[in-house]
N, C-alpha and C. Protein backbone atom coordinates (compact mmCIF):
# COMPACT_ATOMS: atom_id res chain seq x y z
N MET A 1 -10.08 -9.62 57.75
CA MET A 1 -11.90 -9.55 58.80
C MET A 1 -10.79 -9.88 59.55
N ASP A 2 -9.51 -9.31 60.52
CA ASP A 2 -9.35 -9.02 61.98
C ASP A 2 -9.43 -7.76 62.31
N LEU A 3 -9.22 -7.06 60.99
CA LEU A 3 -9.43 -5.46 61.84
C LEU A 3 -11.10 -5.37 61.90
N GLU A 4 -11.30 -6.09 61.01
CA GLU A 4 -12.88 -5.96 61.46
C GLU A 4 -13.60 -6.17 62.46
N SER A 5 -13.00 -7.10 62.85
CA SER A 5 -13.23 -8.44 64.76
C SER A 5 -12.69 -6.93 65.67
N HIS A 6 -11.22 -6.60 64.82
CA HIS A 6 -11.01 -5.98 66.13
C HIS A 6 -11.68 -4.37 66.06
N LEU A 7 -12.34 -3.44 65.46
CA LEU A 7 -13.36 -2.20 65.34
C LEU A 7 -13.93 -2.74 66.28
N TYR A 8 -15.39 -4.37 65.92
CA TYR A 8 -16.52 -4.68 66.77
C TYR A 8 -16.12 -4.81 68.34
N ARG A 9 -14.54 -5.32 68.33
CA ARG A 9 -15.25 -5.57 69.85
C ARG A 9 -14.67 -4.12 70.54
N ASN A 10 -14.14 -3.00 69.81
CA ASN A 10 -14.02 -1.67 70.38
C ASN A 10 -15.31 -0.22 70.06
N GLY A 11 -15.96 -1.67 69.92
CA GLY A 11 -17.92 -0.48 69.68
C GLY A 11 -17.61 -0.10 67.96
N THR A 12 -17.57 -0.04 67.27
CA THR A 12 -17.24 0.41 65.89
C THR A 12 -18.45 -0.78 65.08
N ARG A 13 -19.67 -0.19 64.86
CA ARG A 13 -19.90 -1.15 63.37
C ARG A 13 -19.42 -0.47 62.01
N ILE A 14 -19.15 -1.96 60.94
CA ILE A 14 -18.92 -1.35 59.74
C ILE A 14 -19.98 -1.86 58.57
N ILE A 15 -20.82 -1.57 58.13
CA ILE A 15 -22.00 -1.58 57.46
C ILE A 15 -22.12 -1.39 56.63
N ASN A 16 -21.35 -2.73 55.16
CA ASN A 16 -21.24 -2.53 53.73
C ASN A 16 -22.39 -2.74 52.82
N PHE A 17 -22.35 -1.71 51.93
CA PHE A 17 -23.48 -1.77 51.37
C PHE A 17 -23.17 -2.09 49.31
N PHE A 18 -23.63 -2.72 49.04
CA PHE A 18 -23.54 -2.60 47.51
C PHE A 18 -24.28 -2.10 47.13
N LEU A 19 -24.20 -1.28 46.23
CA LEU A 19 -25.68 -0.92 44.97
C LEU A 19 -25.53 -1.66 43.98
N HIS A 20 -26.55 -2.33 43.67
CA HIS A 20 -27.36 -2.57 42.38
C HIS A 20 -28.11 -1.75 41.19
N LEU A 21 -27.18 -2.54 40.69
CA LEU A 21 -27.68 -2.16 38.85
C LEU A 21 -28.74 -3.32 38.49
N SER A 22 -29.52 -3.00 37.86
CA SER A 22 -29.87 -3.85 37.00
C SER A 22 -29.56 -3.68 35.44
N GLU A 23 -29.11 -4.52 34.39
CA GLU A 23 -28.30 -4.69 33.19
C GLU A 23 -28.91 -3.34 32.68
N GLU A 24 -30.83 -3.36 32.85
CA GLU A 24 -31.20 -2.15 31.78
C GLU A 24 -31.24 -0.95 32.07
N GLU A 25 -31.09 -0.78 33.78
CA GLU A 25 -30.95 0.41 34.28
C GLU A 25 -29.57 0.93 34.05
N GLN A 26 -28.36 0.10 34.02
CA GLN A 26 -26.86 0.78 33.26
C GLN A 26 -26.78 1.34 32.40
N ARG A 27 -28.12 1.03 31.64
CA ARG A 27 -27.77 0.33 29.73
C ARG A 27 -28.70 2.58 29.88
N LYS A 28 -29.84 2.30 30.53
CA LYS A 28 -30.41 4.23 30.19
C LYS A 28 -29.38 5.16 31.41
N ARG A 29 -28.49 4.15 31.91
CA ARG A 29 -27.62 5.84 32.38
C ARG A 29 -26.91 5.81 31.62
N PHE A 30 -26.30 4.24 30.67
CA PHE A 30 -24.97 4.91 29.88
C PHE A 30 -25.72 6.42 28.38
N LEU A 31 -27.12 5.52 28.43
CA LEU A 31 -27.61 6.63 27.12
C LEU A 31 -27.53 7.88 28.22
N ASP A 32 -28.34 8.23 28.92
CA ASP A 32 -28.01 9.27 29.64
C ASP A 32 -26.90 10.54 29.74
N ARG A 33 -26.11 9.67 29.82
CA ARG A 33 -25.14 9.99 30.11
C ARG A 33 -24.35 10.75 28.77
N ILE A 34 -24.83 9.66 27.23
CA ILE A 34 -24.12 10.12 25.87
C ILE A 34 -25.22 11.40 25.93
N ASP A 35 -26.57 11.48 26.20
CA ASP A 35 -27.55 12.32 26.14
C ASP A 35 -27.11 13.85 26.33
N LYS A 36 -27.14 13.83 27.61
CA LYS A 36 -26.64 14.99 28.55
C LYS A 36 -24.92 15.14 28.92
N PRO A 37 -24.54 16.70 27.98
CA PRO A 37 -23.40 16.68 28.07
C PRO A 37 -22.76 17.28 29.18
N GLU A 38 -23.23 17.25 30.68
CA GLU A 38 -22.88 17.99 31.67
C GLU A 38 -22.58 16.30 32.53
N LYS A 39 -23.09 15.37 31.34
CA LYS A 39 -22.61 14.12 31.89
C LYS A 39 -21.78 13.11 31.56
N ASN A 40 -21.76 13.74 30.02
CA ASN A 40 -20.28 13.44 28.62
C ASN A 40 -18.82 12.69 30.04
N TRP A 41 -18.34 13.51 30.58
CA TRP A 41 -17.21 13.37 31.21
C TRP A 41 -17.74 11.57 32.16
N LYS A 42 -18.93 11.11 31.96
CA LYS A 42 -18.85 9.77 32.83
C LYS A 42 -18.34 8.77 32.10
N SER A 43 -18.53 9.00 31.23
CA SER A 43 -18.90 7.28 30.32
C SER A 43 -17.11 7.73 29.52
N SER A 44 -16.94 6.36 28.87
CA SER A 44 -15.33 5.89 27.88
C SER A 44 -15.98 4.29 27.24
N LEU A 45 -15.79 4.60 25.98
CA LEU A 45 -15.37 2.91 25.46
C LEU A 45 -15.72 2.07 25.97
N ALA A 46 -14.52 1.90 27.46
CA ALA A 46 -14.06 1.03 28.38
C ALA A 46 -15.10 0.42 29.36
N ASP A 47 -16.17 1.75 29.36
CA ASP A 47 -17.83 0.62 29.73
C ASP A 47 -18.21 0.18 29.29
N ILE A 48 -18.08 0.43 27.84
CA ILE A 48 -19.26 -0.58 27.01
C ILE A 48 -18.78 -1.53 26.49
N GLU A 49 -16.93 -1.55 26.42
CA GLU A 49 -16.55 -3.01 26.14
C GLU A 49 -16.69 -3.92 27.28
N GLU A 50 -16.53 -2.95 28.77
CA GLU A 50 -17.12 -4.21 30.24
C GLU A 50 -18.47 -5.21 30.35
N ARG A 51 -19.53 -3.44 29.06
CA ARG A 51 -20.48 -4.18 29.83
C ARG A 51 -21.05 -5.85 29.25
N LYS A 52 -19.68 -6.43 28.18
CA LYS A 52 -20.07 -7.74 27.76
C LYS A 52 -19.67 -8.85 28.53
N TYR A 53 -18.71 -8.47 29.78
CA TYR A 53 -18.36 -8.93 31.45
C TYR A 53 -19.98 -9.15 31.76
N TRP A 54 -21.22 -8.84 31.68
CA TRP A 54 -21.96 -8.36 33.09
C TRP A 54 -22.71 -10.01 33.65
N LYS A 55 -22.60 -10.40 33.04
CA LYS A 55 -22.16 -12.07 33.70
C LYS A 55 -21.33 -12.60 34.69
N GLN A 56 -20.14 -12.42 34.43
CA GLN A 56 -18.72 -12.11 35.12
C GLN A 56 -18.84 -11.73 35.96
N TYR A 57 -18.62 -10.64 36.11
CA TYR A 57 -18.96 -9.25 37.19
C TYR A 57 -20.48 -10.04 38.65
N MET A 58 -21.35 -10.11 37.63
CA MET A 58 -22.12 -10.64 38.86
C MET A 58 -21.91 -12.43 39.35
N GLN A 59 -20.98 -12.33 38.97
CA GLN A 59 -20.69 -13.36 39.20
C GLN A 59 -19.75 -13.64 40.67
N ALA A 60 -19.01 -12.41 39.92
CA ALA A 60 -17.38 -11.62 41.33
C ALA A 60 -18.30 -11.53 41.96
N TYR A 61 -19.07 -10.02 41.90
CA TYR A 61 -19.48 -9.82 43.32
C TYR A 61 -19.89 -10.41 44.20
N GLU A 62 -20.98 -11.84 43.81
CA GLU A 62 -21.65 -13.22 44.63
C GLU A 62 -20.09 -13.59 45.26
N ALA A 63 -19.59 -13.85 44.73
CA ALA A 63 -18.43 -14.96 45.65
C ALA A 63 -18.10 -13.69 46.40
N CYS A 64 -17.06 -12.80 45.76
CA CYS A 64 -16.86 -11.66 46.67
C CYS A 64 -17.21 -11.12 48.03
N LEU A 65 -18.88 -10.56 47.93
CA LEU A 65 -19.98 -10.37 48.82
C LEU A 65 -20.33 -11.77 49.87
N SER A 66 -20.16 -12.94 49.11
CA SER A 66 -20.28 -14.21 49.94
C SER A 66 -19.38 -14.38 50.84
N ALA A 67 -17.73 -14.32 50.42
CA ALA A 67 -17.01 -14.23 51.17
C ALA A 67 -16.81 -13.53 52.35
N THR A 68 -16.51 -12.36 51.84
CA THR A 68 -16.07 -11.41 53.34
C THR A 68 -17.40 -11.09 53.78
N SER A 69 -18.90 -10.57 53.80
CA SER A 69 -19.87 -10.90 54.85
C SER A 69 -19.68 -11.08 55.85
N THR A 70 -19.78 -10.28 57.33
CA THR A 70 -19.99 -11.48 58.09
C THR A 70 -20.75 -11.18 59.37
N LYS A 71 -21.52 -11.56 60.70
CA LYS A 71 -22.64 -10.99 61.66
C LYS A 71 -21.82 -9.86 62.36
N LYS A 72 -20.55 -9.07 62.04
CA LYS A 72 -19.69 -7.83 62.59
C LYS A 72 -19.61 -7.06 61.45
N ALA A 73 -19.42 -7.52 60.28
CA ALA A 73 -19.78 -6.40 59.27
C ALA A 73 -20.30 -7.26 57.69
N PRO A 74 -21.46 -6.59 57.87
CA PRO A 74 -22.68 -7.28 57.19
C PRO A 74 -22.58 -6.25 55.26
N TRP A 75 -22.50 -7.73 54.77
CA TRP A 75 -23.05 -6.73 53.64
C TRP A 75 -24.45 -7.01 52.88
N TYR A 76 -24.46 -6.22 52.49
CA TYR A 76 -26.14 -5.66 52.72
C TYR A 76 -26.22 -5.27 50.79
N VAL A 77 -27.11 -5.76 50.10
CA VAL A 77 -27.18 -6.06 48.48
C VAL A 77 -28.43 -4.28 48.48
N VAL A 78 -28.28 -3.54 48.09
CA VAL A 78 -29.43 -2.67 47.77
C VAL A 78 -30.30 -2.19 46.62
N PRO A 79 -31.23 -3.09 46.10
CA PRO A 79 -31.53 -2.29 44.63
C PRO A 79 -31.53 -0.99 44.06
N ALA A 80 -30.25 -0.53 43.14
CA ALA A 80 -30.53 1.28 42.99
C ALA A 80 -30.87 1.32 41.95
N ASP A 81 -31.56 0.96 41.05
CA ASP A 81 -32.23 1.35 39.81
C ASP A 81 -33.11 2.66 40.72
N ASP A 82 -33.30 2.69 41.35
CA ASP A 82 -34.18 3.93 41.86
C ASP A 82 -34.00 4.42 43.05
N LYS A 83 -32.65 6.08 42.85
CA LYS A 83 -32.16 5.98 43.76
C LYS A 83 -32.74 6.38 44.87
N LYS A 84 -33.77 7.24 45.19
CA LYS A 84 -34.72 7.25 45.87
C LYS A 84 -34.49 6.65 46.74
N ASN A 85 -35.04 5.48 46.64
CA ASN A 85 -35.81 4.18 46.97
C ASN A 85 -34.08 3.15 47.75
N ALA A 86 -33.08 2.95 47.25
CA ALA A 86 -31.97 2.44 47.30
C ALA A 86 -31.77 3.60 48.64
N ARG A 87 -31.89 4.34 48.81
CA ARG A 87 -31.49 5.80 49.92
C ARG A 87 -31.89 5.79 51.04
N LEU A 88 -33.17 5.38 50.71
CA LEU A 88 -34.66 5.36 52.15
C LEU A 88 -34.36 3.84 52.59
N ILE A 89 -33.18 2.35 51.50
CA ILE A 89 -33.04 1.15 52.47
C ILE A 89 -31.96 1.45 53.00
N ILE A 90 -30.64 2.17 52.78
CA ILE A 90 -29.65 2.62 53.50
C ILE A 90 -30.21 3.54 54.34
N SER A 91 -31.06 4.51 54.85
CA SER A 91 -30.84 4.95 55.97
C SER A 91 -31.76 4.33 56.91
N GLN A 92 -32.26 3.29 56.35
CA GLN A 92 -33.16 2.77 57.61
C GLN A 92 -31.62 1.30 57.83
N ILE A 93 -31.71 1.21 57.03
CA ILE A 93 -30.34 0.00 57.66
C ILE A 93 -29.35 0.86 58.85
N ILE A 94 -28.84 2.44 58.94
CA ILE A 94 -28.12 3.17 59.09
C ILE A 94 -29.41 3.42 61.05
N LEU A 95 -30.03 3.61 60.75
CA LEU A 95 -31.33 3.72 62.00
C LEU A 95 -30.90 2.51 62.54
N ASP A 96 -31.57 1.77 62.05
CA ASP A 96 -31.42 0.01 62.79
C ASP A 96 -30.08 0.28 63.02
N THR A 97 -29.07 -0.10 62.99
CA THR A 97 -28.04 -0.37 63.83
C THR A 97 -27.52 0.66 64.98
N PHE A 98 -27.69 1.98 64.33
CA PHE A 98 -28.02 2.86 65.70
C PHE A 98 -28.16 2.31 66.84
N LYS A 99 -30.01 2.29 66.11
CA LYS A 99 -30.61 1.32 67.14
C LYS A 99 -30.57 0.85 68.08
N SER A 100 -29.59 -0.80 67.71
CA SER A 100 -29.26 -2.25 67.75
C SER A 100 -27.60 -1.21 69.11
N LEU A 101 -27.14 -0.62 68.74
CA LEU A 101 -25.96 -0.49 69.76
C LEU A 101 -27.03 0.46 71.03
N LYS A 102 -28.04 0.15 71.13
CA LYS A 102 -28.32 1.08 72.70
C LYS A 102 -27.99 1.86 73.54
N MET A 103 -27.14 3.20 72.77
CA MET A 103 -26.59 4.40 73.40
C MET A 103 -27.15 4.89 74.15
N ARG A 104 -26.31 5.40 75.30
CA ARG A 104 -27.10 6.28 76.86
C ARG A 104 -26.12 6.97 77.08
N TYR A 105 -26.75 8.59 77.31
CA TYR A 105 -26.14 9.27 78.21
C TYR A 105 -25.07 8.45 79.61
N PRO A 106 -23.15 8.44 79.91
CA PRO A 106 -23.53 8.41 80.81
C PRO A 106 -23.77 8.45 82.32
N GLU A 107 -23.60 7.42 83.55
CA GLU A 107 -24.68 7.80 84.37
C GLU A 107 -23.21 8.90 85.38
N MET A 108 -23.93 9.70 86.06
CA MET A 108 -23.90 10.47 86.85
C MET A 108 -23.41 9.49 88.39
N ASP A 109 -22.07 10.23 88.72
CA ASP A 109 -21.83 9.03 90.72
C ASP A 109 -22.28 10.94 91.23
N ALA A 110 -22.15 11.09 92.28
CA ALA A 110 -22.10 12.31 93.12
C ALA A 110 -20.68 13.15 93.47
N LYS A 111 -19.81 11.93 93.29
CA LYS A 111 -18.58 13.13 93.25
C LYS A 111 -19.11 13.91 91.70
N ARG A 112 -18.62 13.29 90.43
CA ARG A 112 -19.58 14.37 89.22
C ARG A 112 -19.96 15.44 89.67
N GLN A 113 -21.29 14.65 90.05
CA GLN A 113 -22.16 15.92 89.85
C GLN A 113 -21.71 17.40 90.84
N GLN A 114 -21.04 16.53 91.85
CA GLN A 114 -20.27 17.92 92.85
C GLN A 114 -19.65 18.63 91.87
N GLU A 115 -18.22 18.09 91.13
CA GLU A 115 -17.29 18.58 90.16
C GLU A 115 -17.88 19.53 89.69
N LEU A 116 -19.24 19.00 88.77
CA LEU A 116 -19.99 20.39 87.22
C LEU A 116 -20.61 21.36 88.64
N LEU A 117 -21.27 21.59 89.73
CA LEU A 117 -21.52 22.32 90.45
C LEU A 117 -20.23 23.13 91.05
N SER A 118 -18.72 22.96 91.16
CA SER A 118 -18.12 23.39 91.18
C SER A 118 -17.98 24.53 90.28
N ILE A 119 -17.59 23.57 89.38
CA ILE A 119 -17.58 24.14 87.57
C ILE A 119 -18.82 25.76 88.11
N ARG A 120 -19.51 25.21 88.20
CA ARG A 120 -20.79 26.04 87.76
C ARG A 120 -20.57 27.64 88.54
N GLN A 121 -20.65 27.39 89.90
CA GLN A 121 -19.77 28.38 90.56
C GLN A 121 -18.44 29.07 90.88
N TRP A 122 -17.77 28.09 90.03
CA TRP A 122 -16.31 29.57 89.75
C TRP A 122 -17.17 29.73 88.44
N LEU A 123 -18.08 29.63 87.58
CA LEU A 123 -18.10 29.94 86.31
C LEU A 123 -18.71 31.39 86.79
N MET A 124 -19.86 31.26 87.82
CA MET A 124 -20.70 32.53 88.48
C MET A 124 -19.94 33.82 88.96
N LYS A 125 -19.00 32.90 89.95
CA LYS A 125 -18.01 33.76 90.76
C LYS A 125 -17.50 34.84 89.67
N GLU A 126 -17.56 34.11 87.96
CA GLU A 126 -16.09 34.89 87.30
C GLU A 126 -17.73 35.53 86.13
N GLY A 127 -18.50 35.68 86.51
CA GLY A 127 -19.25 36.53 85.87
C GLY A 127 -18.84 35.72 84.22
N LEU A 128 -18.92 34.62 84.44
CA LEU A 128 -19.27 34.00 83.25
C LEU A 128 -20.05 33.02 82.88
N GLY A 129 -21.00 32.90 84.10
CA GLY A 129 -22.36 31.87 83.91
C GLY A 129 -23.35 32.77 82.85
N TYR A 130 -24.30 31.74 83.09
CA TYR A 130 -25.59 32.73 82.25
C TYR A 130 -26.72 32.20 83.38
N ASN A 131 -27.77 33.16 83.91
CA ASN A 131 -28.21 33.33 85.23
C ASN A 131 -29.42 32.63 83.90
């Protein structure tokens, strides 16, 4: 968390996403992987064995997210049964984060404006500028 605090102080924003599938949706996706040859590579018997521990995994995820979610690096649990909706939710969170940064172009002072004018004049003199 020290790294996250350091990054936050220096203007970096960390957004963590946990894509949560329901147990039923995961079952459907496993069946789909078996039924479609191009997806066969995604499954193994180990996947089925691990499904026996669904409740324990959910408890572990909850404990992990609760312990590591902070204001400076929040976790968002996104329902992911519907892939398009999950992507919309994530996109909105990212957009909201960008908006919260209140970014703007740097203001130009007279010295910088004069410097740019000098560069422009040089480019025009050398025939490198556009009219």
